[in-house]
Amino acid sequence: AVPVDGVRDPQAGALDAAVRRAPVALPAGWSLRSVVGITPSQGDGTCQQVLTLYAPAGEPLAAGYLAVYLKAPGCPTPAATGSARFTAGANVGWIGQDGAATIGGLTVDGVSLRFRTTLAERDLARVLATWGPLPA
């Protein structure tokens, strides 16, 4: 992972602008902590991705986190077994549990994303409702 303190992963910058996105309404005190570009050969073999990690600024990830993998348009994020429907603003997808973490997937303006987080579902729905470009 590449810390976002003025440093960008060059590979992430080379990927499609559609996957270089970020949620607009992070929880108070949270910030973008890292950005990693993932080529198809490094990921699932079919799609380029950008991994973004958000957490409370200056705190260890044990204090909370939101990891988001954004996939290029046309790359699906299949629902996990036992998952439920999930809505975040106009974005629709699925949500489930994996141990203590909440997992899920959404489609945002044609971009498929999956997430893993410690956020409560209500807070997660607010955070994932509105998206913009990754900060420069």
Protein backbone atom coordinates (compact mmCIF):
# COMPACT_ATOMS: atom_id res chain seq x y z
CA ALA A 1 0.00 0.00 0.00
CA VAL A 2 1.15 3.52 -0.75
CA PRO A 3 0.54 6.14 1.95
CA VAL A 4 -1.36 9.14 0.61
CA ASP A 5 0.70 11.98 1.93
CA GLY A 6 1.47 13.46 -1.46
CA VAL A 7 2.66 10.09 -2.82
CA ARG A 8 0.63 8.28 -5.47
CA ASP A 9 1.01 4.74 -6.71
CA PRO A 10 2.04 5.37 -10.36
CA GLN A 11 0.19 2.24 -11.44
CA ALA A 12 -3.09 3.55 -9.97
CA GLY A 13 -2.67 6.81 -11.88
CA ALA A 14 -2.31 4.88 -15.13
CA LEU A 15 -5.60 3.02 -14.71
CA ASP A 16 -8.96 4.09 -16.14
CA ALA A 17 -10.33 7.30 -14.59
CA ALA A 18 -13.63 5.47 -13.96
CA VAL A 19 -11.98 3.42 -11.19
CA ARG A 20 -10.03 6.31 -9.66
CA ARG A 21 -12.91 7.40 -7.45
CA ALA A 22 -13.54 8.03 -3.77
CA PRO A 23 -16.54 8.36 -1.47
CA VAL A 24 -17.31 12.01 -0.75
CA ALA A 25 -18.78 11.69 2.77
CA LEU A 26 -16.20 9.91 4.93
CA PRO A 27 -16.87 9.67 8.68
CA ALA A 28 -15.55 12.62 10.70
CA GLY A 29 -11.81 12.34 11.21
CA TRP A 30 -11.32 9.68 8.53
CA SER A 31 -8.99 10.09 5.57
CA LEU A 32 -7.70 8.27 2.53
CA ARG A 33 -4.76 6.24 3.81
CA SER A 34 -3.55 4.37 0.73
CA VAL A 35 -4.13 3.81 -2.98
CA VAL A 36 -2.93 0.75 -4.89
CA GLY A 37 -3.38 0.07 -8.60
CA ILE A 38 -3.97 -3.58 -9.46
CA THR A 39 -3.51 -4.82 -13.02
CA PRO A 40 -5.59 -7.78 -14.25
CA SER A 41 -2.63 -10.14 -13.81
CA GLN A 42 -2.18 -9.01 -10.18
CA GLY A 43 -5.89 -9.28 -9.38
CA ASP A 44 -8.60 -11.60 -10.62
CA GLY A 45 -7.08 -12.11 -14.07
CA THR A 46 -9.79 -10.19 -15.90
CA CYS A 47 -10.12 -6.62 -14.63
CA GLN A 48 -7.98 -3.68 -13.60
CA GLN A 49 -8.76 -2.42 -10.10
CA VAL A 50 -7.88 0.34 -7.68
CA LEU A 51 -7.77 -0.45 -3.97
CA THR A 52 -8.42 2.52 -1.71
CA LEU A 53 -8.16 2.31 2.06
CA TYR A 54 -9.83 4.78 4.43
CA ALA A 55 -9.41 4.96 8.21
CA PRO A 56 -9.31 7.44 11.07
CA ALA A 57 -6.39 9.82 10.43
CA GLY A 58 -3.30 8.89 12.40
CA GLU A 59 -4.92 5.85 14.03
CA PRO A 60 -4.18 2.13 13.58
CA LEU A 61 -6.61 0.21 11.37
CA ALA A 62 -7.96 -1.50 14.49
CA ALA A 63 -9.76 1.82 15.15
CA GLY A 64 -11.84 1.25 12.01
CA TYR A 65 -11.38 0.99 8.27
CA LEU A 66 -13.06 0.88 4.88
CA ALA A 67 -11.27 -0.95 2.05
CA VAL A 68 -12.79 -0.47 -1.42
CA TYR A 69 -11.79 -2.30 -4.60
CA LEU A 70 -13.09 -0.48 -7.67
CA LYS A 71 -13.27 -2.49 -10.91
CA ALA A 72 -13.51 -1.16 -14.43
CA PRO A 73 -17.00 -0.92 -15.97
CA GLY A 74 -18.24 -4.32 -17.12
CA CYS A 75 -16.37 -6.28 -14.43
CA PRO A 76 -18.86 -7.88 -12.07
CA THR A 77 -18.67 -8.31 -8.32
CA PRO A 78 -20.77 -11.41 -7.61
CA ALA A 79 -22.74 -11.46 -4.36
CA ALA A 80 -21.47 -13.63 -1.52
CA THR A 81 -23.54 -16.59 -0.39
CA GLY A 82 -26.09 -15.53 2.23
CA SER A 83 -25.84 -11.85 1.39
CA ALA A 84 -28.72 -9.35 1.47
CA ARG A 85 -29.69 -6.46 -0.79
CA PHE A 86 -27.91 -3.20 0.07
CA THR A 87 -28.67 0.34 -1.07
CA ALA A 88 -26.44 3.39 -0.69
CA GLY A 89 -28.18 6.39 -2.24
CA ALA A 90 -28.87 5.45 -5.88
CA ASN A 91 -26.28 2.66 -5.73
CA VAL A 92 -27.57 -0.89 -5.35
CA GLY A 93 -25.71 -4.07 -4.46
CA TRP A 94 -25.31 -6.62 -1.71
CA ILE A 95 -24.01 -6.82 1.87
CA GLY A 96 -22.90 -9.67 4.11
CA GLN A 97 -20.58 -10.67 6.93
CA ASP A 98 -17.14 -12.27 6.93
CA GLY A 99 -16.15 -12.77 10.52
CA ALA A 100 -16.16 -9.39 12.29
CA ALA A 101 -16.04 -7.47 8.99
CA THR A 102 -18.92 -6.33 6.83
CA ILE A 103 -18.40 -7.14 3.15
CA GLY A 104 -20.35 -6.22 0.05
CA GLY A 105 -20.51 -4.93 -3.44
CA LEU A 106 -22.17 -2.05 -5.27
CA THR A 107 -22.47 -0.66 -8.76
CA VAL A 108 -21.69 3.07 -8.92
CA ASP A 109 -22.21 4.72 -12.31
CA GLY A 110 -21.32 1.45 -14.04
CA VAL A 111 -18.23 0.85 -11.89
CA SER A 112 -18.36 -2.34 -9.87
CA LEU A 113 -16.90 -2.17 -6.40
CA ARG A 114 -16.51 -4.44 -3.44
CA PHE A 115 -15.83 -3.37 0.11
CA ARG A 116 -14.71 -4.67 3.50
CA THR A 117 -15.25 -2.52 6.58
CA THR A 118 -15.84 -2.14 10.29
CA LEU A 119 -18.46 0.58 9.69
CA ALA A 120 -22.06 -0.07 10.73
CA GLU A 121 -24.45 -0.65 7.80
CA ARG A 122 -26.26 2.69 8.26
CA ASP A 123 -22.97 4.64 8.29
CA LEU A 124 -21.69 2.61 5.36
CA ALA A 125 -24.79 3.44 3.31
CA ARG A 126 -24.18 7.16 3.90
CA VAL A 127 -20.47 6.93 3.02
CA LEU A 128 -21.00 4.91 -0.16
CA ALA A 129 -23.93 6.99 -1.44
CA THR A 130 -21.91 9.78 -3.13
CA TRP A 131 -18.72 9.44 -5.14
CA GLY A 132 -16.20 11.80 -6.71
CA PRO A 133 -12.66 11.63 -8.13
CA LEU A 134 -9.75 10.58 -5.94
CA PRO A 135 -8.14 13.67 -4.42
CA ALA A 136 -5.02 14.85 -6.23
